[in-house]
Amino acid sequence: MSDVAVEVLLPKIGLTMQEGTIEEWLVPAGAAVAEGDALLRIATDKVDVDVEAEAGGLLHPVVPAGTTVPAGALIGWLLAEGEQPPAPAGTPMPAGAGTSTGTVGGPASVGSTALGAATGSPTPKTGVAGAGMSAGPTTPGAGTGFPAPMQTGAAAGALAGPTASGLLTASPASVAPPLNGGGATTAGPVGRLLASPNARRVALGAGVDLTAVRGTGPGGRIVSEDVEEFLAELSGDEAASLLSATPGASATSVLPVAPALPVTGAPSVTPVSPLVRRLAKERGIDLSEVNGTGPGGRIRRADLDTVGPAREAAPRRRNAAPRPGDVLPLTGMRGTIARRMHASLQEMAQLTHGYEVRMDAVVSLRDRLKEEWADTELPVPTLHDFLLKAAALALRDHPLLNATVREDGIHLLDDVHLGFAVAVPGGLMVPVIEDAAELSLPEIARTAKALAHAAREGRIPPDRLEGATFTVTSLGGYGVDFFTPVINPGNVAILGVGRLRDGVEWLDDRPLRTRVLTLSLTFDHRAVDGAPAAEYLRTVGELLRKPLRLLV
């Protein structure tokens, strides 16, 4: 436990984040937390993120759940036993503080550093709560207050032991293969492995080399659940080999489980990671009815797919369908969509061209690839993948569509970073395929699939949602032919894709059945005139008529 009061600040996640909404405190007020424990869940303009504690202590939140605060704002304290949170004398409370719908003022004042000498309280240690990624430092705003401290109860339990200072590097023979997709671990600045302190602690106790573990946290950061899931996927022989190769390791350290409650006669606890517990809760699954297939009967994520949700299960928090009479707050992702789309229509002169394209050759080529690539590791591209590739290639010949409007003029961009819209519960995300025009069709297919899956699972890194120079959005799956997509601010165009349908083409006096779809190109008339926009559509159509060029 830290010997000084530690400020908990709202982390800045991604370059564009200005504010975030505290969706839920995951730890009750007054409870003891250890470094690396999940502290709260926040909703940003792009993703929902679980924030980890950067130090140990007793949690003292000062901002209630449901409040929107700017990045870097003080939202709580981590205190020692019996310690009171520092409070700057004479600091006015921001308007609306303490309400569940207000917006708290700017970041905490740096003036609180000298507070200890004036009040006798320990000097606060300033640090942004970890969100699983490296973010730029946030400059605190001087003179900014924070809500009056809330009363907390007694500490609940004791803190975990000290954090391990190093990472165990096991020999290749002692480390199991990356069963959960390891080997693509993200490194931070100067090659530093991105892993939470708790993940390092669990890995050290189990003798696991973290380079073999795939991180699912923001920015590819490894969290403790990733290590536990990695261990859960080991076979019995692999686990035994890892155990024998790790000096001082025990079966308990190799397969970490929740501690049993200190109650006489209490039932045994089923081995299960916090991640699996959270997924089970979201799906309404009773873990007592799940047969674990992992070592020692441990329940894995795949085991949850074998059972249905409980009949009486509560609806998922973010996936619950809106009902008549509900009031949906314009916060988080929904609020950002509302602001950006309104600003887009106010700032740009937008109009939309509709263009019908033949898809017979694409449909035929895709059927051939299904057969020819069946025994290979190459992913068979979807119709959407063909459209992404065609859209990116066409931008090479029509740079006016790959541009941005600034005060000094229209800037034509060198790189093609292709965004594509993905519907998610509560809104829309736009993952970005970087340098899309330089990628092969299989690479685009593989990248698009991975990004879309990560977006729907709510674990896409925020930096993969930034930097799009052009966007493709599709409503074909909903039976829509033509629509008017709204341009993302910063771009000058967006391409909408309609449904694949039957068309008719006349060959002399005979009708010929064709496969067609409608493209809807919205463009900013400040930067692009109607004729160049139509020429871009014609180029996309020609690429789809002769799709072999998309395989090169």
Protein backbone atom coordinates (compact mmCIF):
# COMPACT_ATOMS: atom_id res chain seq x y z
CA MET A 1 0.00 0.00 0.00
CA SER A 2 1.28 3.41 -0.92
CA ASP A 3 2.32 5.70 1.95
CA VAL A 4 0.95 8.77 0.17
CA ALA A 5 -2.45 9.65 -1.24
CA VAL A 6 -2.55 8.78 -4.95
CA GLU A 7 -4.80 10.74 -7.29
CA VAL A 8 -6.92 8.74 -9.71
CA LEU A 9 -7.25 10.74 -12.92
CA LEU A 10 -9.34 9.96 -15.96
CA PRO A 11 -6.85 8.60 -18.53
CA LYS A 12 -6.54 10.06 -22.02
CA ILE A 13 -7.14 7.16 -24.39
CA GLY A 14 -6.17 7.94 -27.96
CA LEU A 15 -5.14 11.22 -29.51
CA THR A 16 -8.67 12.52 -30.07
CA MET A 17 -10.22 11.79 -26.68
CA GLN A 18 -11.42 14.96 -24.96
CA GLU A 19 -13.73 13.51 -22.29
CA GLY A 20 -15.09 10.24 -20.96
CA THR A 21 -18.08 9.00 -19.00
CA ILE A 22 -17.65 6.95 -15.85
CA GLU A 23 -19.98 4.07 -16.57
CA GLU A 24 -19.33 2.03 -13.45
CA TRP A 25 -17.02 1.89 -10.47
CA LEU A 26 -15.95 -1.77 -10.35
CA VAL A 27 -14.79 -1.47 -6.75
CA PRO A 28 -17.01 -0.16 -3.91
CA ALA A 29 -15.96 2.94 -2.01
CA GLY A 30 -13.63 2.10 0.87
CA ALA A 31 -12.55 -1.24 -0.59
CA ALA A 32 -8.89 -2.18 -0.82
CA VAL A 33 -7.38 -2.48 -4.29
CA ALA A 34 -3.97 -3.65 -5.46
CA GLU A 35 -1.89 -2.25 -8.28
CA GLY A 36 -3.26 -3.58 -11.57
CA ASP A 37 -6.78 -4.30 -10.29
CA ALA A 38 -9.67 -3.17 -12.50
CA LEU A 39 -10.93 0.03 -10.89
CA LEU A 40 -13.68 1.42 -13.11
CA ARG A 41 -15.17 1.25 -16.58
CA ILE A 42 -15.29 4.36 -18.73
CA ALA A 43 -16.98 5.10 -22.06
CA THR A 44 -15.10 7.28 -24.52
CA ASP A 45 -16.10 8.61 -27.92
CA LYS A 46 -14.92 5.34 -29.48
CA VAL A 47 -14.63 2.48 -27.00
CA ASP A 48 -15.46 1.28 -23.51
CA VAL A 49 -12.37 0.61 -21.39
CA ASP A 50 -11.71 -0.96 -18.00
CA VAL A 51 -9.25 1.23 -16.10
CA GLU A 52 -6.66 -0.38 -13.83
CA ALA A 53 -5.28 1.00 -10.58
CA GLU A 54 -1.73 2.32 -10.85
CA ALA A 55 -1.13 1.82 -7.13
CA GLY A 56 -2.63 0.07 -4.12
CA GLY A 57 -4.84 1.65 -1.48
CA LEU A 58 -8.39 2.20 -0.28
CA LEU A 59 -10.61 3.59 -3.02
CA HIS A 60 -12.20 6.97 -2.40
CA PRO A 61 -14.19 8.03 -5.50
CA VAL A 62 -15.06 11.71 -5.81
CA VAL A 63 -17.04 11.52 -9.07
CA PRO A 64 -20.16 9.33 -9.24
CA ALA A 65 -20.93 6.87 -12.01
CA GLY A 66 -22.76 8.43 -14.94
CA THR A 67 -20.72 11.63 -14.88
CA THR A 68 -18.84 12.91 -17.93
CA VAL A 69 -15.44 14.44 -17.18
CA PRO A 70 -12.56 15.75 -19.32
CA ALA A 71 -9.43 13.66 -19.80
CA GLY A 72 -7.05 14.21 -16.90
CA ALA A 73 -9.78 15.20 -14.40
CA LEU A 74 -9.51 14.02 -10.80
CA ILE A 75 -12.06 11.26 -10.20
CA GLY A 76 -10.85 9.63 -7.00
CA TRP A 77 -8.11 8.83 -4.51
CA LEU A 78 -6.23 5.75 -3.35
CA LEU A 79 -5.59 6.20 0.38
CA ALA A 80 -3.76 4.45 3.18
CA GLU A 81 -5.67 2.96 6.11
CA GLY A 82 -7.20 5.78 8.18
CA GLU A 83 -6.02 8.47 5.78
CA GLN A 84 -8.30 11.28 4.65
CA PRO A 85 -8.21 12.61 1.08
CA PRO A 86 -6.52 15.97 0.63
CA ALA A 87 -8.89 18.84 -0.14
CA PRO A 88 -7.59 22.25 -1.25
CA ALA A 89 -8.92 24.90 1.11
CA GLY A 90 -11.38 27.32 -0.43
CA THR A 91 -11.67 25.39 -3.69
CA PRO A 92 -15.16 26.04 -5.07
CA MET A 93 -17.26 23.07 -6.06
CA PRO A 94 -17.96 22.98 -9.80
CA ALA A 95 -21.53 23.64 -10.86
CA GLY A 96 -23.52 20.42 -10.97
CA ALA A 97 -20.97 18.43 -8.98
CA GLY A 98 -22.35 15.38 -7.33
CA THR A 99 -25.10 14.83 -9.87
CA SER A 100 -25.25 11.82 -12.12
CA THR A 101 -25.59 13.82 -15.31
CA GLY A 102 -23.23 16.77 -14.86
CA THR A 103 -19.84 17.33 -16.35
CA VAL A 104 -16.98 17.85 -13.97
CA GLY A 105 -14.45 20.59 -14.61
CA GLY A 106 -10.94 20.26 -15.89
CA PRO A 107 -8.01 18.26 -14.60
CA ALA A 108 -6.96 18.35 -10.99
CA SER A 109 -4.92 21.28 -9.82
CA VAL A 110 -1.21 20.87 -9.51
CA GLY A 111 -1.43 23.21 -6.59
CA SER A 112 -2.42 20.28 -4.40
CA THR A 113 1.23 19.20 -4.34
CA ALA A 114 1.98 21.67 -1.56
CA LEU A 115 -1.12 20.67 0.34
CA GLY A 116 0.63 18.39 2.78
CA ALA A 117 2.61 21.21 4.39
CA ALA A 118 -0.48 23.34 4.93
CA THR A 119 -2.90 20.73 6.19
CA GLY A 120 -0.75 18.02 7.65
CA SER A 121 -2.08 15.54 5.10
CA PRO A 122 0.30 13.44 3.03
CA THR A 123 1.44 14.95 -0.23
CA PRO A 124 -0.66 13.51 -3.04
CA LYS A 125 1.05 11.53 -5.72
CA THR A 126 -0.37 12.46 -9.11
CA GLY A 127 -0.86 9.70 -11.70
CA VAL A 128 -3.39 8.89 -14.35
CA ALA A 129 -5.17 5.62 -13.71
CA GLY A 130 -3.88 3.02 -16.13
CA ALA A 131 -6.12 2.23 -19.08
CA GLY A 132 -3.94 -0.40 -20.61
CA MET A 133 -2.05 1.81 -23.06
CA SER A 134 0.51 4.53 -23.34
CA ALA A 135 -1.08 7.95 -23.54
CA GLY A 136 0.48 11.32 -23.77
CA PRO A 137 0.86 13.28 -20.55
CA THR A 138 -2.07 15.44 -19.64
CA THR A 139 -1.22 18.90 -18.39
CA PRO A 140 -3.27 19.64 -15.28
CA GLY A 141 -5.21 22.86 -15.27
CA ALA A 142 -4.30 25.08 -12.38
CA GLY A 143 -7.02 26.27 -10.06
CA THR A 144 -9.55 23.64 -11.09
CA GLY A 145 -11.49 22.03 -8.28
CA PHE A 146 -13.14 18.67 -7.84
CA PRO A 147 -16.38 17.53 -6.18
CA ALA A 148 -16.55 17.39 -2.40
CA PRO A 149 -15.17 14.07 -1.12
CA MET A 150 -17.72 11.37 -0.48
CA GLN A 151 -17.77 9.49 2.83
CA THR A 152 -16.43 5.99 2.60
CA GLY A 153 -16.92 2.94 4.74
CA ALA A 154 -14.36 0.75 6.42
CA ALA A 155 -11.79 -1.06 4.37
CA ALA A 156 -12.98 -4.34 2.96
CA GLY A 157 -10.20 -6.88 3.33
CA ALA A 158 -6.47 -6.56 2.96
CA LEU A 159 -4.41 -5.65 -0.04
CA ALA A 160 -2.53 -8.15 -2.06
CA GLY A 161 1.19 -8.54 -1.59
CA PRO A 162 3.79 -6.33 -3.26
CA THR A 163 4.04 -6.29 -7.01
CA ALA A 164 6.80 -8.35 -8.58
CA SER A 165 9.51 -6.09 -9.91
CA GLY A 166 10.64 -8.22 -12.83
CA LEU A 167 9.39 -10.48 -15.59
CA LEU A 168 10.47 -14.11 -15.58
CA THR A 169 12.12 -15.01 -18.86
CA ALA A 170 11.65 -18.73 -19.42
CA SER A 171 13.60 -20.80 -21.88
CA PRO A 172 11.79 -21.79 -25.08
CA ALA A 173 11.48 -25.35 -23.87
CA SER A 174 9.69 -24.29 -20.72
CA VAL A 175 7.11 -22.09 -22.41
CA ALA A 176 4.06 -23.58 -24.02
CA PRO A 177 3.16 -22.51 -27.57
CA PRO A 178 0.98 -19.41 -27.94
CA LEU A 179 -2.33 -21.30 -27.90
CA ASN A 180 -4.42 -18.17 -27.63
CA GLY A 181 -2.83 -16.46 -30.58
CA GLY A 182 0.36 -15.39 -28.84
CA GLY A 183 3.42 -14.18 -30.61
CA ALA A 184 1.87 -10.87 -31.62
CA THR A 185 2.45 -9.16 -28.33
CA THR A 186 2.55 -5.38 -28.55
CA ALA A 187 5.66 -3.60 -27.40
CA GLY A 188 5.56 -0.15 -25.92
CA PRO A 189 8.12 2.66 -26.09
CA VAL A 190 11.74 1.50 -26.40
CA GLY A 191 10.53 -2.10 -26.87
CA ARG A 192 8.84 -2.31 -23.46
CA LEU A 193 6.25 -5.08 -23.29
CA LEU A 194 2.76 -3.66 -22.71
CA ALA A 195 1.42 -5.60 -19.72
CA SER A 196 -0.40 -4.61 -16.56
CA PRO A 197 1.40 -5.02 -13.23
CA ASN A 198 -1.13 -7.67 -12.21
CA ALA A 199 -0.51 -9.61 -15.42
CA ARG A 200 3.23 -9.56 -14.74
CA ARG A 201 2.61 -10.77 -11.19
CA VAL A 202 0.44 -13.69 -12.34
CA ALA A 203 2.88 -14.58 -15.12
CA LEU A 204 5.83 -14.54 -12.73
CA GLY A 205 4.07 -16.84 -10.29
CA ALA A 206 3.13 -19.26 -13.06
CA GLY A 207 6.46 -19.19 -14.89
CA VAL A 208 4.93 -17.85 -18.11
CA ASP A 209 6.91 -15.85 -20.65
CA LEU A 210 4.64 -12.92 -21.49
CA THR A 211 5.93 -12.78 -25.07
CA ALA A 212 3.92 -15.97 -25.68
CA VAL A 213 0.65 -14.38 -24.53
CA ARG A 214 -1.71 -12.43 -26.79
CA GLY A 215 -2.90 -9.20 -25.20
CA THR A 216 -6.59 -8.29 -25.52
CA GLY A 217 -6.45 -5.03 -23.60
CA PRO A 218 -6.41 -1.60 -25.25
CA GLY A 219 -3.45 -1.22 -27.60
CA GLY A 220 -2.69 -4.95 -27.30
CA ARG A 221 -1.82 -4.61 -23.60
CA ILE A 222 -1.66 -7.90 -21.71
CA VAL A 223 -3.98 -8.03 -18.71
CA SER A 224 -4.16 -10.69 -16.03
CA GLU A 225 -7.14 -12.37 -17.71
CA ASP A 226 -4.99 -12.98 -20.80
CA VAL A 227 -2.38 -14.83 -18.74
CA GLU A 228 -5.08 -16.88 -16.99
CA GLU A 229 -6.73 -17.68 -20.31
CA PHE A 230 -3.35 -18.71 -21.73
CA LEU A 231 -2.86 -21.08 -18.83
CA ALA A 232 -6.40 -22.40 -19.12
CA GLU A 233 -5.78 -23.41 -22.73
CA LEU A 234 -2.72 -25.50 -21.90
CA SER A 235 -3.15 -29.24 -22.05
CA GLY A 236 -2.38 -31.28 -18.97
CA ASP A 237 1.04 -32.31 -20.29
CA GLU A 238 1.94 -28.74 -21.25
CA ALA A 239 0.89 -27.45 -17.84
CA ALA A 240 2.92 -30.16 -16.12
CA SER A 241 5.94 -29.34 -18.28
CA LEU A 242 5.62 -25.66 -17.47
CA LEU A 243 5.24 -26.45 -13.76
CA SER A 244 8.29 -28.70 -13.65
CA ALA A 245 10.38 -26.11 -15.50
CA THR A 246 9.48 -23.30 -13.09
CA PRO A 247 11.45 -23.32 -9.82
CA GLY A 248 9.20 -22.65 -6.86
CA ALA A 249 6.01 -22.74 -8.90
CA SER A 250 3.06 -24.69 -7.59
CA ALA A 251 -0.09 -26.08 -9.16
CA THR A 252 -1.94 -23.17 -7.64
CA SER A 253 0.36 -20.62 -9.26
CA VAL A 254 0.14 -22.30 -12.65
CA LEU A 255 -3.64 -22.43 -12.54
CA PRO A 256 -4.74 -19.38 -10.54
CA VAL A 257 -8.27 -19.65 -9.20
CA ALA A 258 -10.51 -17.47 -7.08
CA PRO A 259 -9.84 -18.03 -3.39
CA ALA A 260 -12.45 -20.02 -1.52
CA LEU A 261 -14.60 -18.10 0.93
CA PRO A 262 -13.57 -18.67 4.56
CA VAL A 263 -16.82 -20.39 5.49
CA THR A 264 -16.95 -23.83 7.04
CA GLY A 265 -18.56 -26.32 4.74
CA ALA A 266 -18.58 -23.92 1.78
CA PRO A 267 -18.80 -25.58 -1.65
CA SER A 268 -15.65 -25.85 -3.74
CA VAL A 269 -14.96 -22.98 -6.11
CA THR A 270 -14.94 -23.78 -9.84
CA PRO A 271 -11.66 -22.63 -11.42
CA VAL A 272 -12.56 -19.70 -13.65
CA SER A 273 -10.84 -16.49 -14.69
CA PRO A 274 -12.36 -13.03 -14.09
CA LEU A 275 -12.73 -12.62 -17.86
CA VAL A 276 -14.85 -15.76 -18.14
CA ARG A 277 -16.92 -14.67 -15.13
CA ARG A 278 -17.62 -11.33 -16.80
CA LEU A 279 -18.60 -12.96 -20.11
CA ALA A 280 -20.87 -15.39 -18.28
CA LYS A 281 -22.56 -12.53 -16.44
CA GLU A 282 -23.10 -10.61 -19.69
CA ARG A 283 -24.64 -13.67 -21.36
CA GLY A 284 -26.74 -14.60 -18.35
CA ILE A 285 -25.03 -17.97 -17.89
CA ASP A 286 -24.95 -19.79 -14.54
CA LEU A 287 -21.37 -21.03 -14.18
CA SER A 288 -22.50 -23.88 -11.93
CA GLU A 289 -24.14 -25.42 -14.99
CA VAL A 290 -21.01 -25.21 -17.16
CA ASN A 291 -18.66 -28.18 -17.51
CA GLY A 292 -15.10 -26.90 -17.64
CA THR A 293 -12.83 -28.56 -20.20
CA GLY A 294 -9.61 -26.92 -19.07
CA PRO A 295 -7.01 -28.40 -16.72
CA GLY A 296 -8.51 -29.25 -13.34
CA GLY A 297 -12.03 -28.60 -14.65
CA ARG A 298 -11.26 -24.96 -15.32
CA ILE A 299 -13.97 -23.17 -17.32
CA ARG A 300 -12.72 -21.61 -20.55
CA ARG A 301 -14.34 -19.09 -22.86
CA ALA A 302 -15.15 -21.83 -25.36
CA ASP A 303 -17.11 -23.70 -22.68
CA LEU A 304 -19.59 -20.82 -22.44
CA ASP A 305 -20.62 -21.43 -26.05
CA THR A 306 -21.95 -24.88 -25.17
CA VAL A 307 -24.73 -23.62 -22.90
CA GLY A 308 -27.58 -21.18 -23.39
CA PRO A 309 -28.34 -18.17 -21.18
CA ALA A 310 -30.31 -18.62 -18.00
CA ARG A 311 -34.03 -18.11 -18.39
CA GLU A 312 -34.20 -15.46 -15.72
CA ALA A 313 -30.97 -13.74 -16.76
CA ALA A 314 -30.93 -9.96 -16.75
CA PRO A 315 -30.46 -8.31 -20.14
CA ARG A 316 -26.95 -7.30 -21.11
CA ARG A 317 -26.20 -3.80 -19.96
CA ARG A 318 -25.15 -2.30 -23.28
CA ASN A 319 -27.09 -4.61 -25.62
CA ALA A 320 -30.55 -4.09 -24.16
CA ALA A 321 -32.93 -2.91 -26.87
CA PRO A 322 -34.43 0.54 -26.25
CA ARG A 323 -38.08 0.55 -25.22
CA PRO A 324 -40.81 3.17 -25.58
CA GLY A 325 -40.51 5.75 -22.81
CA ASP A 326 -36.73 5.33 -22.42
CA VAL A 327 -34.48 8.40 -22.39
CA LEU A 328 -31.16 7.65 -24.06
CA PRO A 329 -28.43 10.03 -22.84
CA LEU A 330 -26.28 11.70 -25.48
CA THR A 331 -23.05 10.63 -23.80
CA GLY A 332 -20.12 8.42 -24.70
CA MET A 333 -20.25 6.95 -28.18
CA ARG A 334 -23.81 8.11 -28.86
CA GLY A 335 -22.99 11.68 -27.87
CA THR A 336 -19.90 11.72 -30.05
CA ILE A 337 -21.82 10.40 -33.06
CA ALA A 338 -24.47 13.07 -32.54
CA ARG A 339 -21.94 15.91 -32.33
CA ARG A 340 -19.78 14.74 -35.24
CA MET A 341 -22.66 14.07 -37.63
CA HIS A 342 -24.33 17.39 -36.80
CA ALA A 343 -21.03 19.24 -37.27
CA SER A 344 -20.41 17.39 -40.55
CA LEU A 345 -23.71 18.52 -42.07
CA GLN A 346 -23.23 22.06 -40.82
CA GLU A 347 -19.68 22.51 -42.09
CA MET A 348 -19.78 20.73 -45.46
CA ALA A 349 -21.70 21.12 -48.71
CA GLN A 350 -22.70 17.47 -49.05
CA LEU A 351 -24.48 15.77 -51.92
CA THR A 352 -24.74 12.15 -53.05
CA HIS A 353 -24.34 10.34 -56.40
CA GLY A 354 -25.96 6.93 -56.97
CA TYR A 355 -24.20 4.49 -59.31
CA GLU A 356 -25.14 0.92 -60.29
CA VAL A 357 -22.26 -1.54 -60.77
CA ARG A 358 -22.14 -5.05 -62.21
CA MET A 359 -21.00 -7.71 -59.74
CA ASP A 360 -21.26 -10.87 -61.90
CA ALA A 361 -17.50 -11.20 -62.31
CA VAL A 362 -16.86 -10.65 -58.59
CA VAL A 363 -19.44 -13.28 -57.61
CA SER A 364 -17.96 -15.74 -60.09
CA LEU A 365 -14.37 -15.09 -59.00
CA ARG A 366 -15.25 -15.48 -55.34
CA ASP A 367 -16.86 -18.88 -56.05
CA ARG A 368 -13.64 -19.98 -57.77
CA LEU A 369 -11.50 -18.78 -54.86
CA LYS A 370 -13.63 -20.78 -52.43
CA GLU A 371 -12.62 -23.95 -54.26
CA GLU A 372 -9.03 -23.10 -55.09
CA TRP A 373 -8.14 -21.71 -51.67
CA ALA A 374 -10.03 -24.32 -49.67
CA ASP A 375 -6.84 -26.17 -48.68
CA THR A 376 -4.76 -23.06 -48.09
CA GLU A 377 -4.47 -20.56 -45.26
CA LEU A 378 -5.59 -17.71 -47.51
CA PRO A 379 -8.86 -16.13 -46.38
CA VAL A 380 -11.61 -16.13 -49.00
CA PRO A 381 -12.55 -12.45 -49.45
CA THR A 382 -16.16 -11.39 -48.99
CA LEU A 383 -17.96 -9.15 -51.45
CA HIS A 384 -17.32 -6.34 -48.98
CA ASP A 385 -13.58 -7.06 -49.12
CA PHE A 386 -13.63 -6.72 -52.93
CA LEU A 387 -15.37 -3.37 -52.54
CA LEU A 388 -12.83 -2.17 -49.96
CA LYS A 389 -9.96 -3.06 -52.28
CA ALA A 390 -11.61 -1.41 -55.29
CA ALA A 391 -12.40 1.74 -53.32
CA ALA A 392 -8.80 2.02 -52.12
CA LEU A 393 -7.23 1.40 -55.54
CA ALA A 394 -9.52 3.92 -57.23
CA LEU A 395 -8.37 6.63 -54.84
CA ARG A 396 -4.88 6.42 -56.38
CA ASP A 397 -6.32 7.71 -59.66
CA HIS A 398 -8.68 10.20 -58.00
CA PRO A 399 -6.71 11.95 -55.23
CA LEU A 400 -9.37 14.66 -54.85
CA LEU A 401 -11.50 12.11 -53.01
CA ASN A 402 -8.63 11.26 -50.63
CA ALA A 403 -8.23 14.71 -49.13
CA THR A 404 -9.04 17.00 -46.22
CA VAL A 405 -10.16 20.63 -46.15
CA ARG A 406 -8.21 23.00 -43.91
CA GLU A 407 -8.15 26.76 -43.49
CA ASP A 408 -5.37 27.21 -46.02
CA GLY A 409 -6.89 24.97 -48.69
CA ILE A 410 -7.60 21.41 -49.83
CA HIS A 411 -4.83 19.03 -48.81
CA LEU A 412 -4.47 15.93 -51.01
CA LEU A 413 -3.19 13.09 -48.85
CA ASP A 414 -0.34 10.76 -49.77
CA ASP A 415 -1.56 7.66 -47.93
CA VAL A 416 -4.86 5.82 -48.28
CA HIS A 417 -6.11 4.83 -44.82
CA LEU A 418 -9.48 3.21 -45.41
CA GLY A 419 -12.12 3.33 -42.69
CA PHE A 420 -15.11 0.99 -42.79
CA ALA A 421 -18.22 1.28 -40.65
CA VAL A 422 -19.10 -1.49 -38.18
CA ALA A 423 -22.40 -1.51 -36.30
CA VAL A 424 -21.93 -2.17 -32.58
CA PRO A 425 -24.36 -2.10 -29.64
CA GLY A 426 -25.21 1.51 -28.95
CA GLY A 427 -23.67 3.03 -32.04
CA LEU A 428 -21.11 2.74 -34.79
CA MET A 429 -17.34 2.29 -35.00
CA VAL A 430 -15.05 2.95 -37.95
CA PRO A 431 -11.92 0.76 -37.80
CA VAL A 432 -9.12 1.87 -40.10
CA ILE A 433 -7.11 -0.27 -42.53
CA GLU A 434 -3.83 1.57 -42.90
CA ASP A 435 -2.21 1.84 -46.34
CA ALA A 436 -5.12 -0.09 -47.82
CA ALA A 437 -4.13 0.61 -51.43
CA GLU A 438 -0.79 -1.17 -50.83
CA LEU A 439 -2.33 -4.33 -49.33
CA SER A 440 -3.27 -7.45 -51.24
CA LEU A 441 -6.88 -8.60 -51.28
CA PRO A 442 -6.19 -11.45 -48.78
CA GLU A 443 -4.44 -8.97 -46.47
CA ILE A 444 -7.43 -6.64 -46.61
CA ALA A 445 -9.79 -9.56 -45.95
CA ARG A 446 -7.77 -10.73 -42.96
CA THR A 447 -7.35 -7.24 -41.52
CA ALA A 448 -10.98 -6.22 -41.99
CA LYS A 449 -12.24 -9.39 -40.33
CA ALA A 450 -9.95 -8.99 -37.31
CA LEU A 451 -10.79 -5.30 -36.84
CA ALA A 452 -14.55 -5.84 -37.19
CA HIS A 453 -14.45 -8.67 -34.66
CA ALA A 454 -12.44 -6.61 -32.19
CA ALA A 455 -14.86 -3.68 -32.61
CA ARG A 456 -17.91 -5.86 -31.92
CA GLU A 457 -16.20 -7.39 -28.90
CA GLY A 458 -15.39 -3.91 -27.53
CA ARG A 459 -11.64 -4.52 -27.39
CA ILE A 460 -10.34 -2.70 -30.45
CA PRO A 461 -7.35 -0.45 -29.72
CA PRO A 462 -8.36 3.23 -29.96
CA ASP A 463 -5.51 3.98 -32.34
CA ARG A 464 -7.11 1.63 -34.89
CA LEU A 465 -10.14 3.92 -34.95
CA GLU A 466 -8.18 7.02 -35.98
CA GLY A 467 -6.67 8.44 -39.13
CA ALA A 468 -9.13 7.37 -41.85
CA THR A 469 -8.75 9.36 -45.08
CA PHE A 470 -11.81 7.81 -46.76
CA THR A 471 -14.66 5.65 -45.46
CA VAL A 472 -16.82 2.81 -46.79
CA THR A 473 -20.15 1.99 -45.15
CA SER A 474 -22.64 -0.72 -46.09
CA LEU A 475 -26.37 -1.18 -45.54
CA GLY A 476 -26.70 -3.98 -48.08
CA GLY A 477 -27.24 -6.52 -45.33
CA TYR A 478 -30.39 -4.63 -44.33
CA GLY A 479 -31.89 -4.70 -47.83
CA VAL A 480 -31.05 -1.06 -48.62
CA ASP A 481 -30.10 -0.08 -52.19
CA PHE A 482 -29.46 3.67 -52.19
CA PHE A 483 -28.86 5.92 -49.17
CA THR A 484 -27.09 9.16 -48.26
CA PRO A 485 -24.17 8.42 -45.91
CA VAL A 486 -22.80 11.36 -43.91
CA ILE A 487 -19.13 12.23 -44.34
CA ASN A 488 -16.87 11.76 -41.33
CA PRO A 489 -15.35 15.12 -40.33
CA GLY A 490 -11.86 15.46 -41.73
CA ASN A 491 -12.70 13.54 -44.93
CA VAL A 492 -14.24 14.83 -48.16
CA ALA A 493 -16.15 11.69 -49.19
CA ILE A 494 -17.74 8.46 -48.03
CA LEU A 495 -18.87 5.48 -50.15
CA GLY A 496 -22.10 3.67 -49.32
CA VAL A 497 -22.71 0.09 -50.48
CA GLY A 498 -26.18 -1.29 -51.18
CA ARG A 499 -27.51 -4.86 -51.37
CA LEU A 500 -26.52 -7.39 -54.02
CA ARG A 501 -29.59 -7.96 -56.17
CA ASP A 502 -30.75 -9.25 -59.55
CA GLY A 503 -30.67 -6.87 -62.48
CA VAL A 504 -31.50 -7.09 -66.17
CA GLU A 505 -29.38 -6.27 -69.19
CA TRP A 506 -30.66 -6.50 -72.73
CA LEU A 507 -28.66 -8.43 -75.31
CA ASP A 508 -30.24 -7.50 -78.60
CA ASP A 509 -33.86 -8.49 -77.94
CA ARG A 510 -33.09 -10.96 -75.15
CA PRO A 511 -33.09 -10.08 -71.41
CA LEU A 512 -30.02 -11.20 -69.49
CA ARG A 513 -30.07 -11.71 -65.74
CA THR A 514 -27.23 -9.89 -63.97
CA ARG A 515 -25.98 -9.33 -60.42
CA VAL A 516 -25.75 -5.65 -59.46
CA LEU A 517 -25.57 -3.32 -56.49
CA THR A 518 -25.84 0.43 -56.02
CA LEU A 519 -23.00 2.60 -54.73
CA SER A 520 -23.88 5.86 -52.95
CA LEU A 521 -21.01 8.37 -52.94
CA THR A 522 -21.46 11.40 -50.69
CA PHE A 523 -18.85 14.10 -51.30
CA ASP A 524 -18.04 17.58 -50.06
CA HIS A 525 -18.77 20.00 -52.90
CA ARG A 526 -16.27 22.46 -51.42
CA ALA A 527 -13.48 20.09 -52.46
CA VAL A 528 -14.96 17.88 -55.17
CA ASP A 529 -17.26 18.71 -58.08
CA GLY A 530 -19.88 16.38 -59.49
CA ALA A 531 -17.88 15.22 -62.52
CA PRO A 532 -14.74 14.09 -60.60
CA ALA A 533 -16.99 12.27 -58.12
CA ALA A 534 -18.74 10.45 -60.97
CA GLU A 535 -15.39 9.52 -62.51
CA TYR A 536 -14.31 7.96 -59.23
CA LEU A 537 -17.48 5.84 -59.18
CA ARG A 538 -16.87 4.77 -62.79
CA THR A 539 -13.33 3.63 -61.88
CA VAL A 540 -14.64 1.59 -58.94
CA GLY A 541 -17.22 0.02 -61.24
CA GLU A 542 -14.58 -0.91 -63.84
CA LEU A 543 -12.43 -2.58 -61.20
CA LEU A 544 -15.40 -4.65 -60.06
CA ARG A 545 -16.28 -5.59 -63.64
CA LYS A 546 -12.73 -7.00 -64.09
CA PRO A 547 -11.85 -8.07 -60.53
CA LEU A 548 -8.71 -10.05 -61.43
CA ARG A 549 -6.88 -6.73 -61.14
CA LEU A 550 -7.85 -6.68 -57.49
CA LEU A 551 -5.85 -9.86 -56.87
CA VAL A 552 -2.57 -8.33 -58.06
